[in-house]
C-alpha atoms as a PDB file:
ATOM      1  CA  MET A   1     -23.604   9.182   8.733  1.00  0.00           C
ATOM      2  CA  TRP A   2     -20.573  10.952   7.332  1.00  0.00           C
ATOM      3  CA  TYR A   3     -19.359  14.156   8.968  1.00  0.00           C
ATOM      4  CA  VAL A   4     -16.779  16.638   7.763  1.00  0.00           C
ATOM      5  CA  VAL A   5     -14.419  18.069  10.350  1.00  0.00           C
ATOM      6  CA  TYR A   6     -12.758  21.225   9.032  1.00  0.00           C
ATOM      7  CA  SER A   7     -10.087  22.601  11.321  1.00  0.00           C
ATOM      8  CA  GLN A   8      -8.274  25.907  10.876  1.00  0.00           C
ATOM      9  CA  ASP A   9      -4.772  26.269  12.302  1.00  0.00           C
ATOM     10  CA  VAL A  10      -3.388  29.101  14.366  1.00  0.00           C
ATOM     11  CA  GLU A  11      -0.608  31.144  12.754  1.00  0.00           C
ATOM     12  CA  ASN A  12       2.757  29.357  12.611  1.00  0.00           C
ATOM     13  CA  SER A  13       1.299  26.016  13.701  1.00  0.00           C
ATOM     14  CA  LEU A  14       4.017  23.832  12.173  1.00  0.00           C
ATOM     15  CA  PRO A  15       6.127  23.344  15.350  1.00  0.00           C
ATOM     16  CA  LEU A  16       2.996  22.410  17.308  1.00  0.00           C
ATOM     17  CA  ARG A  17       1.889  20.027  14.545  1.00  0.00           C
ATOM     18  CA  LYS A  18       5.253  18.296  14.466  1.00  0.00           C
ATOM     19  CA  LYS A  19       5.263  17.767  18.227  1.00  0.00           C
ATOM     20  CA  THR A  20       1.777  16.189  18.298  1.00  0.00           C
ATOM     21  CA  ARG A  21       1.542  14.555  14.855  1.00  0.00           C
ATOM     22  CA  SER A  22       1.966  10.919  15.944  1.00  0.00           C
ATOM     23  CA  ALA A  23      -0.905  11.107  18.463  1.00  0.00           C
ATOM     24  CA  HIS A  24      -3.107  12.890  15.910  1.00  0.00           C
ATOM     25  CA  LEU A  25      -2.397  10.261  13.243  1.00  0.00           C
ATOM     26  CA  ALA A  26      -3.023   7.387  15.688  1.00  0.00           C
ATOM     27  CA  ARG A  27      -6.620   8.559  16.154  1.00  0.00           C
ATOM     28  CA  LEU A  28      -7.110   8.792  12.400  1.00  0.00           C
ATOM     29  CA  GLN A  29      -5.601   5.329  11.957  1.00  0.00           C
ATOM     30  CA  GLN A  30      -8.092   3.965  14.484  1.00  0.00           C
ATOM     31  CA  LEU A  31     -10.992   5.382  12.444  1.00  0.00           C
ATOM     32  CA  SER A  32      -9.458   3.878   9.308  1.00  0.00           C
ATOM     33  CA  ASP A  33      -8.994   0.472  10.961  1.00  0.00           C
ATOM     34  CA  GLU A  34     -12.668   0.558  11.957  1.00  0.00           C
ATOM     35  CA  GLY A  35     -13.685   1.342   8.340  1.00  0.00           C
ATOM     36  CA  ARG A  36     -15.040   4.742   9.375  1.00  0.00           C
ATOM     37  CA  LEU A  37     -12.597   7.091   7.605  1.00  0.00           C
ATOM     38  CA  LEU A  38     -13.404   8.372   4.129  1.00  0.00           C
ATOM     39  CA  VAL A  39     -10.535  10.851   3.820  1.00  0.00           C
ATOM     40  CA  ALA A  40      -8.171  12.885   5.986  1.00  0.00           C
ATOM     41  CA  GLY A  41      -5.348  15.294   5.358  1.00  0.00           C
ATOM     42  CA  PRO A  42      -3.843  18.720   5.916  1.00  0.00           C
ATOM     43  CA  CYS A  43      -4.314  21.892   3.855  1.00  0.00           C
ATOM     44  CA  PRO A  44      -0.881  23.171   2.743  1.00  0.00           C
ATOM     45  CA  ALA A  45      -0.227  26.885   3.257  1.00  0.00           C
ATOM     46  CA  ILE A  46       1.176  27.100  -0.284  1.00  0.00           C
ATOM     47  CA  ASP A  47       0.306  25.435  -3.584  1.00  0.00           C
ATOM     48  CA  SER A  48       2.592  22.460  -3.072  1.00  0.00           C
ATOM     49  CA  THR A  49       2.386  18.836  -1.958  1.00  0.00           C
ATOM     50  CA  ASP A  50       5.426  19.552   0.235  1.00  0.00           C
ATOM     51  CA  PRO A  51       5.003  23.014   1.768  1.00  0.00           C
ATOM     52  CA  GLY A  52       8.110  22.694   3.935  1.00  0.00           C
ATOM     53  CA  GLU A  53       8.433  25.448   6.502  1.00  0.00           C
ATOM     54  CA  ALA A  54       5.357  27.230   5.063  1.00  0.00           C
ATOM     55  CA  GLY A  55       3.379  24.581   6.910  1.00  0.00           C
ATOM     56  CA  PHE A  56      -0.350  24.123   6.882  1.00  0.00           C
ATOM     57  CA  THR A  57      -3.484  26.208   7.384  1.00  0.00           C
ATOM     58  CA  GLY A  58      -5.784  23.457   8.585  1.00  0.00           C
ATOM     59  CA  SER A  59      -7.055  19.930   8.130  1.00  0.00           C
ATOM     60  CA  VAL A  60     -10.026  18.069   6.668  1.00  0.00           C
ATOM     61  CA  VAL A  61     -11.407  14.799   8.009  1.00  0.00           C
ATOM     62  CA  ILE A  62     -14.490  13.052   6.675  1.00  0.00           C
ATOM     63  CA  ALA A  63     -15.510  10.161   8.876  1.00  0.00           C
ATOM     64  CA  ASP A  64     -18.515   8.100   9.913  1.00  0.00           C
ATOM     65  CA  PHE A  65     -20.086   8.823  13.321  1.00  0.00           C
ATOM     66  CA  THR A  66     -23.439   7.897  14.835  1.00  0.00           C
ATOM     67  CA  SER A  67     -24.410  11.529  15.452  1.00  0.00           C
ATOM     68  CA  LEU A  68     -23.290  15.126  15.141  1.00  0.00           C
ATOM     69  CA  GLU A  69     -22.635  15.149  18.875  1.00  0.00           C
ATOM     70  CA  GLU A  70     -20.315  12.142  18.591  1.00  0.00           C
ATOM     71  CA  ALA A  71     -18.442  13.785  15.702  1.00  0.00           C
ATOM     72  CA  GLN A  72     -18.083  17.018  17.674  1.00  0.00           C
ATOM     73  CA  ALA A  73     -16.825  15.155  20.744  1.00  0.00           C
ATOM     74  CA  TRP A  74     -14.299  13.248  18.614  1.00  0.00           C
ATOM     75  CA  ALA A  75     -13.060  16.518  17.073  1.00  0.00           C
ATOM     76  CA  ALA A  76     -12.813  18.211  20.483  1.00  0.00           C
ATOM     77  CA  ALA A  77     -10.599  15.375  21.774  1.00  0.00           C
ATOM     78  CA  ASP A  78      -8.046  15.685  18.939  1.00  0.00           C
ATOM     79  CA  PRO A  79      -4.477  16.012  20.280  1.00  0.00           C
ATOM     80  CA  TYR A  80      -4.049  19.004  17.967  1.00  0.00           C
ATOM     81  CA  MET A  81      -6.742  20.778  20.028  1.00  0.00           C
ATOM     82  CA  ASP A  82      -4.844  20.199  23.277  1.00  0.00           C
ATOM     83  CA  ALA A  83      -1.577  21.295  21.645  1.00  0.00           C
ATOM     84  CA  GLY A  84      -3.088  24.564  20.400  1.00  0.00           C
ATOM     85  CA  VAL A  85      -2.723  23.744  16.689  1.00  0.00           C
ATOM     86  CA  TYR A  86      -6.343  24.476  15.835  1.00  0.00           C
ATOM     87  CA  GLU A  87      -7.885  27.913  16.171  1.00  0.00           C
ATOM     88  CA  GLN A  88     -11.348  26.874  15.021  1.00  0.00           C
ATOM     89  CA  VAL A  89     -13.070  23.569  14.242  1.00  0.00           C
ATOM     90  CA  THR A  90     -16.295  23.179  12.276  1.00  0.00           C
ATOM     91  CA  VAL A  91     -18.187  19.876  12.206  1.00  0.00           C
ATOM     92  CA  LYS A  92     -21.028  19.362   9.724  1.00  0.00           C
ATOM     93  CA  PRO A  93     -23.023  16.447   8.327  1.00  0.00           C
ATOM     94  CA  TYR A  94     -21.766  15.337   4.907  1.00  0.00           C
ATOM     95  CA  LEU A  95     -23.553  13.433   2.137  1.00  0.00           C
ATOM     96  CA  LYS A  96     -21.243  11.524  -0.174  1.00  0.00           C
ATOM     97  CA  VAL A  97     -22.670  11.576  -3.713  1.00  0.00           C
ATOM     98  CA  LEU A  98     -19.704  10.743  -5.996  1.00  0.00           C
ATOM     99  CA  PRO A  99     -17.778   8.639  -6.732  1.00  0.00           C
END
């Protein structure tokens, strides 16, 4: 089943994101390589595709897991969690309807 992982950043998270980005992206790439990633990306802090130093306010990942518990465990092991990027993470089941 699909699960949405919505993560909210701490204030001024950009330096922490930059330091840990490669490890964070490697985990997402693994999901993609396994055909389990629907979409993933950050939420810019401003209305721009390149927010620069304004940074980001969070991230969205929609991926396939066998259970809510597995999705929660995956989210809890994100390098951004260990680095202190995320203040809060919400994991919920997701039903893809369109397209």
